[in-house]
Amino acid sequence: GKVPASSILASAPSDRNLDTWRESGCRTTHCNLEVL
């Protein structure tokens, strides 16, 4: 609860790995460099 979900960017190879993050309101990408 210390960081708003919108401030979190999660990266994973497949959408299946990112579904939980999206449901929590986090942003997602398939590009690791974008996270950096």
ModelCIF file with pLDDT and N, C-alpha, C, O atoms, coordinates in Angstrom:
data_MODEL
#
_entry.id   MODEL 
#
_entity.id                         1 
_entity.type                       polymer 
_entity.pdbx_number_of_molecules   1 
#
_entity_poly.entity_id                      1 
_entity_poly.type                           'polypeptide(L)' 
_entity_poly.nstd_linkage                   no 
_entity_poly.nstd_monomer                   no 
_entity_poly.pdbx_seq_one_letter_code       GKVPASSILASAPSDRNLDTWRESGCRTTHCNLEVL 
_entity_poly.pdbx_seq_one_letter_code_can   GKVPASSILASAPSDRNLDTWRESGCRTTHCNLEVL 
_entity_poly.pdbx_strand_id                 A 
#
loop_
_entity_poly_seq.entity_id 
_entity_poly_seq.num 
_entity_poly_seq.mon_id 
_entity_poly_seq.hetero 
1 1  GLY n 
1 2  LYS n 
1 3  VAL n 
1 4  PRO n 
1 5  ALA n 
1 6  SER n 
1 7  SER n 
1 8  ILE n 
1 9  LEU n 
1 10 ALA n 
1 11 SER n 
1 12 ALA n 
1 13 PRO n 
1 14 SER n 
1 15 ASP n 
1 16 ARG n 
1 17 ASN n 
1 18 LEU n 
1 19 ASP n 
1 20 THR n 
1 21 TRP n 
1 22 ARG n 
1 23 GLU n 
1 24 SER n 
1 25 GLY n 
1 26 CYS n 
1 27 ARG n 
1 28 THR n 
1 29 THR n 
1 30 HIS n 
1 31 CYS n 
1 32 ASN n 
1 33 LEU n 
1 34 GLU n 
1 35 VAL n 
1 36 LEU n 
#
_struct_asym.id          A 
_struct_asym.entity_id   1 
#
loop_
_ma_qa_metric.id 
_ma_qa_metric.mode 
_ma_qa_metric.name 
_ma_qa_metric.software_group_id 
_ma_qa_metric.type 
1 global pLDDT . pLDDT 
2 local  pLDDT . pLDDT 
#
_ma_qa_metric_global.metric_id      1 
_ma_qa_metric_global.metric_value   93.19 
_ma_qa_metric_global.model_id       1 
_ma_qa_metric_global.ordinal_id     1 
#
loop_
_ma_qa_metric_local.label_asym_id 
_ma_qa_metric_local.label_comp_id 
_ma_qa_metric_local.label_seq_id 
_ma_qa_metric_local.metric_id 
_ma_qa_metric_local.metric_value 
_ma_qa_metric_local.model_id 
_ma_qa_metric_local.ordinal_id 
A GLY 1  2 72.00 1 1  
A LYS 2  2 85.00 1 2  
A VAL 3  2 91.00 1 3  
A PRO 4  2 94.00 1 4  
A ALA 5  2 94.00 1 5  
A SER 6  2 94.00 1 6  
A SER 7  2 95.00 1 7  
A ILE 8  2 96.00 1 8  
A LEU 9  2 97.00 1 9  
A ALA 10 2 97.00 1 10 
A SER 11 2 96.00 1 11 
A ALA 12 2 94.00 1 12 
A PRO 13 2 91.00 1 13 
A SER 14 2 89.00 1 14 
A ASP 15 2 90.00 1 15 
A ARG 16 2 89.00 1 16 
A ASN 17 2 88.00 1 17 
A LEU 18 2 95.00 1 18 
A ASP 19 2 93.00 1 19 
A THR 20 2 91.00 1 20 
A TRP 21 2 94.00 1 21 
A ARG 22 2 95.00 1 22 
A GLU 23 2 94.00 1 23 
A SER 24 2 92.00 1 24 
A GLY 25 2 95.00 1 25 
A CYS 26 2 96.00 1 26 
A ARG 27 2 96.00 1 27 
A THR 28 2 97.00 1 28 
A THR 29 2 96.00 1 29 
A HIS 30 2 95.00 1 30 
A CYS 31 2 95.00 1 31 
A ASN 32 2 95.00 1 32 
A LEU 33 2 96.00 1 33 
A GLU 34 2 96.00 1 34 
A VAL 35 2 96.00 1 35 
A LEU 36 2 96.00 1 36 
#
loop_
_atom_site.group_PDB 
_atom_site.id 
_atom_site.type_symbol 
_atom_site.label_atom_id 
_atom_site.label_alt_id 
_atom_site.label_comp_id 
_atom_site.label_asym_id 
_atom_site.label_entity_id 
_atom_site.label_seq_id 
_atom_site.pdbx_PDB_ins_code 
_atom_site.Cartn_x 
_atom_site.Cartn_y 
_atom_site.Cartn_z 
_atom_site.occupancy 
_atom_site.B_iso_or_equiv 
_atom_site.pdbx_formal_charge 
_atom_site.auth_seq_id 
_atom_site.auth_comp_id 
_atom_site.auth_asym_id 
_atom_site.auth_atom_id 
_atom_site.pdbx_PDB_model_num 
ATOM 1   N N  . GLY A 1 1  ? 0.791  -1.215  0.000   1.00 72.00 ? 1  GLY A N  1 
ATOM 2   C CA . GLY A 1 1  ? 0.000  0.000   0.000   1.00 72.00 ? 1  GLY A CA 1 
ATOM 3   C C  . GLY A 1 1  ? 0.824  1.266   0.000   1.00 72.00 ? 1  GLY A C  1 
ATOM 4   O O  . GLY A 1 1  ? 0.261  2.360   0.054   1.00 72.00 ? 1  GLY A O  1 
ATOM 5   N N  . LYS A 1 2  ? 2.142  1.156   -0.059  1.00 85.00 ? 2  LYS A N  1 
ATOM 6   C CA . LYS A 1 2  ? 3.000  2.344   -0.016  1.00 85.00 ? 2  LYS A CA 1 
ATOM 7   C C  . LYS A 1 2  ? 3.247  2.946   -1.387  1.00 85.00 ? 2  LYS A C  1 
ATOM 8   O O  . LYS A 1 2  ? 3.707  4.082   -1.497  1.00 85.00 ? 2  LYS A O  1 
ATOM 9   N N  . VAL A 1 3  ? 2.941  2.183   -2.439  1.00 91.00 ? 3  VAL A N  1 
ATOM 10  C CA . VAL A 1 3  ? 3.162  2.657   -3.809  1.00 91.00 ? 3  VAL A CA 1 
ATOM 11  C C  . VAL A 1 3  ? 1.876  2.458   -4.601  1.00 91.00 ? 3  VAL A C  1 
ATOM 12  O O  . VAL A 1 3  ? 1.337  1.351   -4.612  1.00 91.00 ? 3  VAL A O  1 
ATOM 13  N N  . PRO A 1 4  ? 1.364  3.500   -5.267  1.00 94.00 ? 4  PRO A N  1 
ATOM 14  C CA . PRO A 1 4  ? 0.149  3.311   -6.082  1.00 94.00 ? 4  PRO A CA 1 
ATOM 15  C C  . PRO A 1 4  ? 0.427  2.345   -7.226  1.00 94.00 ? 4  PRO A C  1 
ATOM 16  O O  . PRO A 1 4  ? 1.513  2.345   -7.805  1.00 94.00 ? 4  PRO A O  1 
ATOM 17  N N  . ALA A 1 5  ? -0.562 1.528   -7.543  1.00 94.00 ? 5  ALA A N  1 
ATOM 18  C CA . ALA A 1 5  ? -0.395 0.518   -8.595  1.00 94.00 ? 5  ALA A CA 1 
ATOM 19  C C  . ALA A 1 5  ? 0.029  1.144   -9.916  1.00 94.00 ? 5  ALA A C  1 
ATOM 20  O O  . ALA A 1 5  ? 0.779  0.540   -10.683 1.00 94.00 ? 5  ALA A O  1 
ATOM 21  N N  . SER A 1 6  ? -0.446 2.343   -10.177 1.00 94.00 ? 6  SER A N  1 
ATOM 22  C CA . SER A 1 6  ? -0.130 3.002   -11.452 1.00 94.00 ? 6  SER A CA 1 
ATOM 23  C C  . SER A 1 6  ? 1.356  3.364   -11.566 1.00 94.00 ? 6  SER A C  1 
ATOM 24  O O  . SER A 1 6  ? 1.846  3.649   -12.659 1.00 94.00 ? 6  SER A O  1 
ATOM 25  N N  . SER A 1 7  ? 2.065  3.350   -10.443 1.00 95.00 ? 7  SER A N  1 
ATOM 26  C CA . SER A 1 7  ? 3.499  3.658   -10.461 1.00 95.00 ? 7  SER A CA 1 
ATOM 27  C C  . SER A 1 7  ? 4.357  2.417   -10.707 1.00 95.00 ? 7  SER A C  1 
ATOM 28  O O  . SER A 1 7  ? 5.581  2.514   -10.784 1.00 95.00 ? 7  SER A O  1 
ATOM 29  N N  . ILE A 1 8  ? 3.719  1.255   -10.831 1.00 96.00 ? 8  ILE A N  1 
ATOM 30  C CA . ILE A 1 8  ? 4.440  -0.002  -11.030 1.00 96.00 ? 8  ILE A CA 1 
ATOM 31  C C  . ILE A 1 8  ? 4.321  -0.437  -12.483 1.00 96.00 ? 8  ILE A C  1 
ATOM 32  O O  . ILE A 1 8  ? 3.229  -0.480  -13.049 1.00 96.00 ? 8  ILE A O  1 
ATOM 33  N N  . LEU A 1 9  ? 5.460  -0.755  -13.069 1.00 97.00 ? 9  LEU A N  1 
ATOM 34  C CA . LEU A 1 9  ? 5.507  -1.241  -14.450 1.00 97.00 ? 9  LEU A CA 1 
ATOM 35  C C  . LEU A 1 9  ? 6.136  -2.628  -14.439 1.00 97.00 ? 9  LEU A C  1 
ATOM 36  O O  . LEU A 1 9  ? 7.305  -2.785  -14.087 1.00 97.00 ? 9  LEU A O  1 
ATOM 37  N N  . ALA A 1 10 ? 5.355  -3.632  -14.827 1.00 97.00 ? 10 ALA A N  1 
ATOM 38  C CA . ALA A 1 10 ? 5.817  -5.025  -14.814 1.00 97.00 ? 10 ALA A CA 1 
ATOM 39  C C  . ALA A 1 10 ? 6.074  -5.509  -16.228 1.00 97.00 ? 10 ALA A C  1 
ATOM 40  O O  . ALA A 1 10 ? 5.304  -5.224  -17.144 1.00 97.00 ? 10 ALA A O  1 
ATOM 41  N N  . SER A 1 11 ? 7.174  -6.250  -16.398 1.00 96.00 ? 11 SER A N  1 
ATOM 42  C CA . SER A 1 11 ? 7.530  -6.797  -17.696 1.00 96.00 ? 11 SER A CA 1 
ATOM 43  C C  . SER A 1 11 ? 7.633  -8.314  -17.606 1.00 96.00 ? 11 SER A C  1 
ATOM 44  O O  . SER A 1 11 ? 8.190  -8.854  -16.650 1.00 96.00 ? 11 SER A O  1 
ATOM 45  N N  . ALA A 1 12 ? 7.091  -8.990  -18.605 1.00 94.00 ? 12 ALA A N  1 
ATOM 46  C CA . ALA A 1 12 ? 7.178  -10.450 -18.694 1.00 94.00 ? 12 ALA A CA 1 
ATOM 47  C C  . ALA A 1 12 ? 7.036  -10.848 -20.162 1.00 94.00 ? 12 ALA A C  1 
ATOM 48  O O  . ALA A 1 12 ? 6.486  -10.089 -20.959 1.00 94.00 ? 12 ALA A O  1 
ATOM 49  N N  . PRO A 1 13 ? 7.532  -12.040 -20.523 1.00 91.00 ? 13 PRO A N  1 
ATOM 50  C CA . PRO A 1 13 ? 7.476  -12.457 -21.933 1.00 91.00 ? 13 PRO A CA 1 
ATOM 51  C C  . PRO A 1 13 ? 6.063  -12.666 -22.459 1.00 91.00 ? 13 PRO A C  1 
ATOM 52  O O  . PRO A 1 13 ? 5.785  -12.371 -23.622 1.00 91.00 ? 13 PRO A O  1 
ATOM 53  N N  . SER A 1 14 ? 5.161  -13.174 -21.610 1.00 89.00 ? 14 SER A N  1 
ATOM 54  C CA . SER A 1 14 ? 3.824  -13.515 -22.109 1.00 89.00 ? 14 SER A CA 1 
ATOM 55  C C  . SER A 1 14 ? 2.742  -12.762 -21.340 1.00 89.00 ? 14 SER A C  1 
ATOM 56  O O  . SER A 1 14 ? 2.947  -12.341 -20.201 1.00 89.00 ? 14 SER A O  1 
ATOM 57  N N  . ASP A 1 15 ? 1.586  -12.600 -21.986 1.00 90.00 ? 15 ASP A N  1 
ATOM 58  C CA . ASP A 1 15 ? 0.450  -11.945 -21.330 1.00 90.00 ? 15 ASP A CA 1 
ATOM 59  C C  . ASP A 1 15 ? -0.021 -12.731 -20.118 1.00 90.00 ? 15 ASP A C  1 
ATOM 60  O O  . ASP A 1 15 ? -0.500 -12.152 -19.144 1.00 90.00 ? 15 ASP A O  1 
ATOM 61  N N  . ARG A 1 16 ? 0.115  -14.050 -20.177 1.00 89.00 ? 16 ARG A N  1 
ATOM 62  C CA . ARG A 1 16 ? -0.338 -14.883 -19.046 1.00 89.00 ? 16 ARG A CA 1 
ATOM 63  C C  . ARG A 1 16 ? 0.352  -14.474 -17.746 1.00 89.00 ? 16 ARG A C  1 
ATOM 64  O O  . ARG A 1 16 ? -0.263 -14.481 -16.680 1.00 89.00 ? 16 ARG A O  1 
ATOM 65  N N  . ASN A 1 17 ? 1.640  -14.115 -17.844 1.00 88.00 ? 17 ASN A N  1 
ATOM 66  C CA . ASN A 1 17 ? 2.384  -13.708 -16.650 1.00 88.00 ? 17 ASN A CA 1 
ATOM 67  C C  . ASN A 1 17 ? 1.987  -12.312 -16.160 1.00 88.00 ? 17 ASN A C  1 
ATOM 68  O O  . ASN A 1 17 ? 2.276  -11.941 -15.022 1.00 88.00 ? 17 ASN A O  1 
ATOM 69  N N  . LEU A 1 18 ? 1.334  -11.556 -17.015 1.00 95.00 ? 18 LEU A N  1 
ATOM 70  C CA . LEU A 1 18 ? 1.042  -10.161 -16.678 1.00 95.00 ? 18 LEU A CA 1 
ATOM 71  C C  . LEU A 1 18 ? -0.405 -9.927  -16.248 1.00 95.00 ? 18 LEU A C  1 
ATOM 72  O O  . LEU A 1 18 ? -0.743 -8.839  -15.782 1.00 95.00 ? 18 LEU A O  1 
ATOM 73  N N  . ASP A 1 19 ? -1.256 -10.934 -16.400 1.00 93.00 ? 19 ASP A N  1 
ATOM 74  C CA . ASP A 1 19 ? -2.688 -10.747 -16.103 1.00 93.00 ? 19 ASP A CA 1 
ATOM 75  C C  . ASP A 1 19 ? -2.928 -10.272 -14.678 1.00 93.00 ? 19 ASP A C  1 
ATOM 76  O O  . ASP A 1 19 ? -3.726 -9.362  -14.453 1.00 93.00 ? 19 ASP A O  1 
ATOM 77  N N  . THR A 1 20 ? -2.242 -10.882 -13.710 1.00 91.00 ? 20 THR A N  1 
ATOM 78  C CA . THR A 1 20 ? -2.453 -10.514 -12.302 1.00 91.00 ? 20 THR A CA 1 
ATOM 79  C C  . THR A 1 20 ? -2.055 -9.065  -12.050 1.00 91.00 ? 20 THR A C  1 
ATOM 80  O O  . THR A 1 20 ? -2.712 -8.353  -11.291 1.00 91.00 ? 20 THR A O  1 
ATOM 81  N N  . TRP A 1 21 ? -0.963 -8.636  -12.699 1.00 94.00 ? 21 TRP A N  1 
ATOM 82  C CA . TRP A 1 21 ? -0.500 -7.256  -12.533 1.00 94.00 ? 21 TRP A CA 1 
ATOM 83  C C  . TRP A 1 21 ? -1.548 -6.280  -13.078 1.00 94.00 ? 21 TRP A C  1 
ATOM 84  O O  . TRP A 1 21 ? -1.840 -5.254  -12.463 1.00 94.00 ? 21 TRP A O  1 
ATOM 85  N N  . ARG A 1 22 ? -2.102 -6.620  -14.237 1.00 95.00 ? 22 ARG A N  1 
ATOM 86  C CA . ARG A 1 22 ? -3.111 -5.745  -14.840 1.00 95.00 ? 22 ARG A CA 1 
ATOM 87  C C  . ARG A 1 22 ? -4.361 -5.663  -13.969 1.00 95.00 ? 22 ARG A C  1 
ATOM 88  O O  . ARG A 1 22 ? -4.948 -4.594  -13.804 1.00 95.00 ? 22 ARG A O  1 
ATOM 89  N N  . GLU A 1 23 ? -4.759 -6.804  -13.416 1.00 94.00 ? 23 GLU A N  1 
ATOM 90  C CA . GLU A 1 23 ? -5.944 -6.825  -12.552 1.00 94.00 ? 23 GLU A CA 1 
ATOM 91  C C  . GLU A 1 23 ? -5.747 -5.969  -11.310 1.00 94.00 ? 23 GLU A C  1 
ATOM 92  O O  . GLU A 1 23 ? -6.711 -5.462  -10.736 1.00 94.00 ? 23 GLU A O  1 
ATOM 93  N N  . SER A 1 24 ? -4.471 -5.809  -10.892 1.00 92.00 ? 24 SER A N  1 
ATOM 94  C CA . SER A 1 24 ? -4.170 -4.986  -9.718  1.00 92.00 ? 24 SER A CA 1 
ATOM 95  C C  . SER A 1 24 ? -4.022 -3.508  -10.065 1.00 92.00 ? 24 SER A C  1 
ATOM 96  O O  . SER A 1 24 ? -3.822 -2.674  -9.182  1.00 92.00 ? 24 SER A O  1 
ATOM 97  N N  . GLY A 1 25 ? -4.121 -3.186  -11.362 1.00 95.00 ? 25 GLY A N  1 
ATOM 98  C CA . GLY A 1 25 ? -4.032 -1.792  -11.785 1.00 95.00 ? 25 GLY A CA 1 
ATOM 99  C C  . GLY A 1 25 ? -2.645 -1.336  -12.173 1.00 95.00 ? 25 GLY A C  1 
ATOM 100 O O  . GLY A 1 25 ? -2.415 -0.145  -12.380 1.00 95.00 ? 25 GLY A O  1 
ATOM 101 N N  . CYS A 1 26 ? -1.712 -2.277  -12.274 1.00 96.00 ? 26 CYS A N  1 
ATOM 102 C CA . CYS A 1 26 ? -0.346 -1.929  -12.671 1.00 96.00 ? 26 CYS A CA 1 
ATOM 103 C C  . CYS A 1 26 ? -0.240 -1.820  -14.188 1.00 96.00 ? 26 CYS A C  1 
ATOM 104 O O  . CYS A 1 26 ? -1.034 -2.401  -14.928 1.00 96.00 ? 26 CYS A O  1 
ATOM 105 N N  . ARG A 1 27 ? 0.747  -1.073  -14.627 1.00 96.00 ? 27 ARG A N  1 
ATOM 106 C CA . ARG A 1 27 ? 1.042  -1.006  -16.056 1.00 96.00 ? 27 ARG A CA 1 
ATOM 107 C C  . ARG A 1 27 ? 1.924  -2.198  -16.431 1.00 96.00 ? 27 ARG A C  1 
ATOM 108 O O  . ARG A 1 27 ? 2.672  -2.705  -15.595 1.00 96.00 ? 27 ARG A O  1 
ATOM 109 N N  . THR A 1 28 ? 1.840  -2.638  -17.666 1.00 97.00 ? 28 THR A N  1 
ATOM 110 C CA . THR A 1 28 ? 2.609  -3.817  -18.083 1.00 97.00 ? 28 THR A CA 1 
ATOM 111 C C  . THR A 1 28 ? 3.263  -3.575  -19.437 1.00 97.00 ? 28 THR A C  1 
ATOM 112 O O  . THR A 1 28 ? 2.863  -2.692  -20.195 1.00 97.00 ? 28 THR A O  1 
ATOM 113 N N  . THR A 1 29 ? 4.272  -4.381  -19.714 1.00 96.00 ? 29 THR A N  1 
ATOM 114 C CA . THR A 1 29 ? 4.994  -4.300  -20.978 1.00 96.00 ? 29 THR A CA 1 
ATOM 115 C C  . THR A 1 29 ? 5.663  -5.647  -21.237 1.00 96.00 ? 29 THR A C  1 
ATOM 116 O O  . THR A 1 29 ? 5.795  -6.470  -20.331 1.00 96.00 ? 29 THR A O  1 
ATOM 117 N N  . HIS A 1 30 ? 6.074  -5.858  -22.452 1.00 95.00 ? 30 HIS A N  1 
ATOM 118 C CA . HIS A 1 30 ? 6.884  -7.024  -22.784 1.00 95.00 ? 30 HIS A CA 1 
ATOM 119 C C  . HIS A 1 30 ? 8.349  -6.631  -22.985 1.00 95.00 ? 30 HIS A C  1 
ATOM 120 O O  . HIS A 1 30 ? 9.176  -7.457  -23.369 1.00 95.00 ? 30 HIS A O  1 
ATOM 121 N N  . CYS A 1 31 ? 8.653  -5.368  -22.723 1.00 95.00 ? 31 CYS A N  1 
ATOM 122 C CA . CYS A 1 31 ? 9.999  -4.852  -22.973 1.00 95.00 ? 31 CYS A CA 1 
ATOM 123 C C  . CYS A 1 31 ? 10.705 -4.536  -21.667 1.00 95.00 ? 31 CYS A C  1 
ATOM 124 O O  . CYS A 1 31 ? 10.332 -3.594  -20.967 1.00 95.00 ? 31 CYS A O  1 
ATOM 125 N N  . ASN A 1 32 ? 11.716 -5.314  -21.337 1.00 95.00 ? 32 ASN A N  1 
ATOM 126 C CA . ASN A 1 32 ? 12.460 -5.075  -20.096 1.00 95.00 ? 32 ASN A CA 1 
ATOM 127 C C  . ASN A 1 32 ? 13.132 -3.706  -20.083 1.00 95.00 ? 32 ASN A C  1 
ATOM 128 O O  . ASN A 1 32 ? 13.207 -3.060  -19.038 1.00 95.00 ? 32 ASN A O  1 
ATOM 129 N N  . LEU A 1 33 ? 13.616 -3.266  -21.234 1.00 96.00 ? 33 LEU A N  1 
ATOM 130 C CA . LEU A 1 33 ? 14.300 -1.972  -21.300 1.00 96.00 ? 33 LEU A CA 1 
ATOM 131 C C  . LEU A 1 33 ? 13.355 -0.817  -20.973 1.00 96.00 ? 33 LEU A C  1 
ATOM 132 O O  . LEU A 1 33 ? 13.782 0.211   -20.447 1.00 96.00 ? 33 LEU A O  1 
ATOM 133 N N  . GLU A 1 34 ? 12.079 -0.991  -21.284 1.00 96.00 ? 34 GLU A N  1 
ATOM 134 C CA . GLU A 1 34 ? 11.098 0.050   -20.950 1.00 96.00 ? 34 GLU A CA 1 
ATOM 135 C C  . GLU A 1 34 ? 11.007 0.254   -19.446 1.00 96.00 ? 34 GLU A C  1 
ATOM 136 O O  . GLU A 1 34 ? 10.844 1.378   -18.972 1.00 96.00 ? 34 GLU A O  1 
ATOM 137 N N  . VAL A 1 35 ? 11.113 -0.842  -18.696 1.00 96.00 ? 35 VAL A N  1 
ATOM 138 C CA . VAL A 1 35 ? 11.087 -0.749  -17.234 1.00 96.00 ? 35 VAL A CA 1 
ATOM 139 C C  . VAL A 1 35 ? 12.263 0.094   -16.746 1.00 96.00 ? 35 VAL A C  1 
ATOM 140 O O  . VAL A 1 35 ? 12.101 0.945   -15.871 1.00 96.00 ? 35 VAL A O  1 
ATOM 141 N N  . LEU A 1 36 ? 13.437 -0.142  -17.309 1.00 96.00 ? 36 LEU A N  1 
ATOM 142 C CA . LEU A 1 36 ? 14.624 0.618   -16.907 1.00 96.00 ? 36 LEU A CA 1 
ATOM 143 C C  . LEU A 1 36 ? 14.482 2.094   -17.245 1.00 96.00 ? 36 LEU A C  1 
ATOM 144 O O  . LEU A 1 36 ? 15.391 2.879   -16.975 1.00 96.00 ? 36 LEU A O  1 
#
